[in-house]
């Protein structure tokens, strides 16, 4: 993610102050997302894909490869 931020800053000539991560199958306070936030130098906010917001974790895990294709 740090490389992506550097690429965007170089290409757009603008400073990136924060970014958002589509959570997919993860819940907003999932351990993996919390660890990711700790390792990054920029603030990260999680956003959930609108199509999966009402699905349970099991359904999200099954559908996540397909949802990623259509978003």
N, C-alpha and C. Protein backbone atom coordinates (compact mmCIF):
# COMPACT_ATOMS: atom_id res chain seq x y z
N UNK A 1 0.81 -1.18 0.00
CA UNK A 1 0.00 0.00 0.00
C UNK A 1 0.86 1.25 0.00
N UNK A 2 1.97 1.18 0.71
CA UNK A 2 2.87 2.34 0.74
C UNK A 2 3.37 2.65 -0.67
N UNK A 3 3.69 1.61 -1.44
CA UNK A 3 4.15 1.82 -2.82
C UNK A 3 3.06 2.46 -3.67
N UNK A 4 1.83 2.05 -3.47
CA UNK A 4 0.71 2.63 -4.21
C UNK A 4 0.55 4.10 -3.86
N UNK A 5 0.65 4.43 -2.59
CA UNK A 5 0.56 5.83 -2.16
C UNK A 5 1.68 6.64 -2.80
N UNK A 6 2.90 6.12 -2.80
CA UNK A 6 4.02 6.83 -3.43
C UNK A 6 3.78 7.03 -4.91
N UNK A 7 3.25 6.02 -5.59
CA UNK A 7 2.96 6.12 -7.02
C UNK A 7 1.94 7.22 -7.28
N UNK A 8 0.86 7.24 -6.51
CA UNK A 8 -0.18 8.25 -6.69
C UNK A 8 0.38 9.64 -6.43
N UNK A 9 1.17 9.80 -5.39
CA UNK A 9 1.76 11.10 -5.09
C UNK A 9 2.67 11.57 -6.22
N UNK A 10 3.48 10.68 -6.76
CA UNK A 10 4.37 11.04 -7.87
C UNK A 10 3.59 11.39 -9.12
N UNK A 11 2.58 10.61 -9.43
CA UNK A 11 1.82 10.81 -10.66
C UNK A 11 0.94 12.05 -10.60
N UNK A 12 0.25 12.25 -9.48
CA UNK A 12 -0.70 13.36 -9.34
C UNK A 12 -0.07 14.63 -8.78
N UNK A 13 1.15 14.53 -8.28
CA UNK A 13 1.85 15.67 -7.67
C UNK A 13 1.04 16.27 -6.52
N UNK A 14 0.38 15.39 -5.76
CA UNK A 14 -0.39 15.81 -4.59
C UNK A 14 -0.05 14.89 -3.43
N UNK A 15 -0.12 15.44 -2.23
CA UNK A 15 0.16 14.67 -1.03
C UNK A 15 -1.07 13.86 -0.62
N UNK A 16 -0.87 12.59 -0.36
CA UNK A 16 -1.95 11.73 0.13
C UNK A 16 -1.91 11.77 1.65
N UNK A 17 -3.04 12.15 2.27
CA UNK A 17 -3.10 12.28 3.73
C UNK A 17 -3.69 11.05 4.41
N UNK A 18 -4.53 10.32 3.70
CA UNK A 18 -5.14 9.11 4.23
C UNK A 18 -5.70 8.31 3.06
N UNK A 19 -6.12 7.10 3.33
CA UNK A 19 -6.74 6.31 2.27
C UNK A 19 -7.75 5.36 2.88
N UNK A 20 -8.57 4.79 2.01
CA UNK A 20 -9.62 3.87 2.44
C UNK A 20 -9.36 2.50 1.85
N UNK A 21 -9.72 1.49 2.62
CA UNK A 21 -9.52 0.11 2.22
C UNK A 21 -10.89 -0.57 2.18
N UNK A 22 -11.21 -1.19 1.03
CA UNK A 22 -12.46 -1.95 0.95
C UNK A 22 -12.26 -3.24 1.73
N UNK A 23 -13.09 -3.46 2.72
CA UNK A 23 -12.89 -4.55 3.66
C UNK A 23 -13.29 -5.92 3.13
N UNK A 24 -14.17 -5.99 2.17
CA UNK A 24 -14.56 -7.29 1.62
C UNK A 24 -15.16 -8.19 2.65
N UNK A 25 -14.45 -9.26 3.03
CA UNK A 25 -15.03 -10.22 3.98
C UNK A 25 -14.75 -9.83 5.43
N UNK A 26 -13.97 -8.80 5.67
CA UNK A 26 -13.61 -8.44 7.03
C UNK A 26 -14.61 -7.49 7.66
N UNK A 27 -14.74 -7.58 8.96
CA UNK A 27 -15.52 -6.62 9.72
C UNK A 27 -14.62 -5.42 10.00
N UNK A 28 -15.19 -4.21 10.23
CA UNK A 28 -14.37 -3.02 10.41
C UNK A 28 -13.30 -3.13 11.49
N UNK A 29 -13.56 -3.83 12.57
CA UNK A 29 -12.58 -3.93 13.65
C UNK A 29 -11.90 -5.29 13.69
N UNK A 30 -11.89 -5.99 12.58
CA UNK A 30 -11.23 -7.29 12.48
C UNK A 30 -9.75 -7.13 12.81
N UNK A 31 -9.19 -8.12 13.48
CA UNK A 31 -7.79 -8.08 13.92
C UNK A 31 -6.83 -7.78 12.77
N UNK A 32 -7.04 -8.39 11.62
CA UNK A 32 -6.15 -8.18 10.48
C UNK A 32 -6.14 -6.71 10.04
N UNK A 33 -7.30 -6.08 10.01
CA UNK A 33 -7.39 -4.67 9.62
C UNK A 33 -6.72 -3.78 10.67
N UNK A 34 -6.89 -4.10 11.94
CA UNK A 34 -6.25 -3.31 13.00
C UNK A 34 -4.73 -3.40 12.90
N UNK A 35 -4.21 -4.58 12.60
CA UNK A 35 -2.76 -4.74 12.44
C UNK A 35 -2.26 -3.97 11.22
N UNK A 36 -3.02 -3.99 10.16
CA UNK A 36 -2.66 -3.24 8.96
C UNK A 36 -2.58 -1.75 9.26
N UNK A 37 -3.56 -1.23 9.98
CA UNK A 37 -3.57 0.20 10.32
C UNK A 37 -2.35 0.58 11.15
N UNK A 38 -1.92 -0.31 12.04
CA UNK A 38 -0.76 -0.04 12.89
C UNK A 38 0.53 0.05 12.09
N UNK A 39 0.64 -0.70 11.01
CA UNK A 39 1.88 -0.77 10.24
C UNK A 39 2.03 0.35 9.21
N UNK A 40 0.95 1.02 8.89
CA UNK A 40 0.99 2.03 7.84
C UNK A 40 1.32 3.40 8.40
N UNK A 41 1.97 4.21 7.60
CA UNK A 41 2.34 5.55 8.04
C UNK A 41 1.20 6.55 7.87
N UNK A 42 0.18 6.19 7.11
CA UNK A 42 -0.97 7.07 6.89
C UNK A 42 -2.21 6.49 7.57
N UNK A 43 -3.13 7.36 7.98
CA UNK A 43 -4.39 6.85 8.53
C UNK A 43 -5.18 6.08 7.47
N UNK A 44 -5.70 4.93 7.85
CA UNK A 44 -6.51 4.12 6.94
C UNK A 44 -7.90 3.95 7.53
N UNK A 45 -8.90 4.07 6.68
CA UNK A 45 -10.28 3.86 7.10
C UNK A 45 -10.83 2.71 6.28
N UNK A 46 -11.61 1.88 6.92
CA UNK A 46 -12.22 0.76 6.22
C UNK A 46 -13.59 1.13 5.70
N UNK A 47 -13.88 0.69 4.50
CA UNK A 47 -15.22 0.84 3.96
C UNK A 47 -15.68 -0.53 3.51
N UNK A 48 -16.93 -0.81 3.73
CA UNK A 48 -17.46 -2.11 3.33
C UNK A 48 -18.14 -1.98 1.98
N UNK A 49 -17.97 -2.99 1.17
CA UNK A 49 -18.63 -3.00 -0.14
C UNK A 49 -20.14 -2.99 0.07
N UNK A 50 -20.82 -2.07 -0.59
CA UNK A 50 -22.26 -1.91 -0.41
C UNK A 50 -23.06 -3.16 -0.72
N UNK A 51 -22.61 -3.93 -1.68
CA UNK A 51 -23.36 -5.13 -2.06
C UNK A 51 -23.33 -6.21 -0.98
N UNK A 52 -22.31 -6.17 -0.14
CA UNK A 52 -22.18 -7.23 0.87
C UNK A 52 -22.49 -6.76 2.28
N UNK A 53 -22.89 -5.53 2.45
CA UNK A 53 -23.04 -4.98 3.80
C UNK A 53 -24.07 -5.72 4.65
N UNK A 54 -25.05 -6.34 4.06
CA UNK A 54 -26.08 -7.03 4.83
C UNK A 54 -25.86 -8.55 4.91
N UNK A 55 -24.81 -9.03 4.31
CA UNK A 55 -24.53 -10.46 4.33
C UNK A 55 -23.76 -10.85 5.58
N UNK A 56 -23.91 -12.10 6.00
CA UNK A 56 -23.14 -12.62 7.11
C UNK A 56 -21.72 -12.96 6.66
N UNK A 57 -20.85 -13.23 7.62
CA UNK A 57 -19.45 -13.52 7.31
C UNK A 57 -19.31 -14.74 6.40
N UNK A 58 -20.10 -15.78 6.63
CA UNK A 58 -20.02 -16.98 5.80
C UNK A 58 -20.34 -16.67 4.34
N UNK A 59 -21.40 -15.91 4.12
CA UNK A 59 -21.79 -15.56 2.75
C UNK A 59 -20.75 -14.66 2.10
N UNK A 60 -20.18 -13.74 2.88
CA UNK A 60 -19.14 -12.86 2.34
C UNK A 60 -17.93 -13.67 1.88
N UNK A 61 -17.55 -14.67 2.66
CA UNK A 61 -16.39 -15.48 2.30
C UNK A 61 -16.65 -16.26 1.01
N UNK A 62 -17.86 -16.76 0.86
CA UNK A 62 -18.19 -17.52 -0.35
C UNK A 62 -18.24 -16.61 -1.57
N UNK A 63 -18.82 -15.43 -1.42
CA UNK A 63 -19.04 -14.54 -2.56
C UNK A 63 -17.90 -13.56 -2.84
N UNK A 64 -16.94 -13.43 -1.93
CA UNK A 64 -15.92 -12.39 -2.09
C UNK A 64 -15.17 -12.42 -3.42
N UNK A 65 -14.81 -13.58 -3.99
CA UNK A 65 -14.15 -13.54 -5.30
C UNK A 65 -15.05 -12.95 -6.39
N UNK A 66 -16.33 -13.25 -6.33
CA UNK A 66 -17.27 -12.73 -7.33
C UNK A 66 -17.54 -11.25 -7.13
N UNK A 67 -17.71 -10.83 -5.89
CA UNK A 67 -17.98 -9.42 -5.59
C UNK A 67 -16.82 -8.56 -6.07
N UNK A 68 -15.60 -9.00 -5.85
CA UNK A 68 -14.43 -8.25 -6.31
C UNK A 68 -14.41 -8.06 -7.82
N UNK A 69 -14.97 -8.98 -8.55
CA UNK A 69 -15.00 -8.90 -10.00
C UNK A 69 -15.97 -7.83 -10.50
N UNK A 70 -17.06 -7.59 -9.76
CA UNK A 70 -18.07 -6.65 -10.26
C UNK A 70 -17.96 -5.26 -9.66
N UNK A 71 -17.10 -5.06 -8.66
CA UNK A 71 -16.96 -3.72 -8.07
C UNK A 71 -15.94 -2.89 -8.80
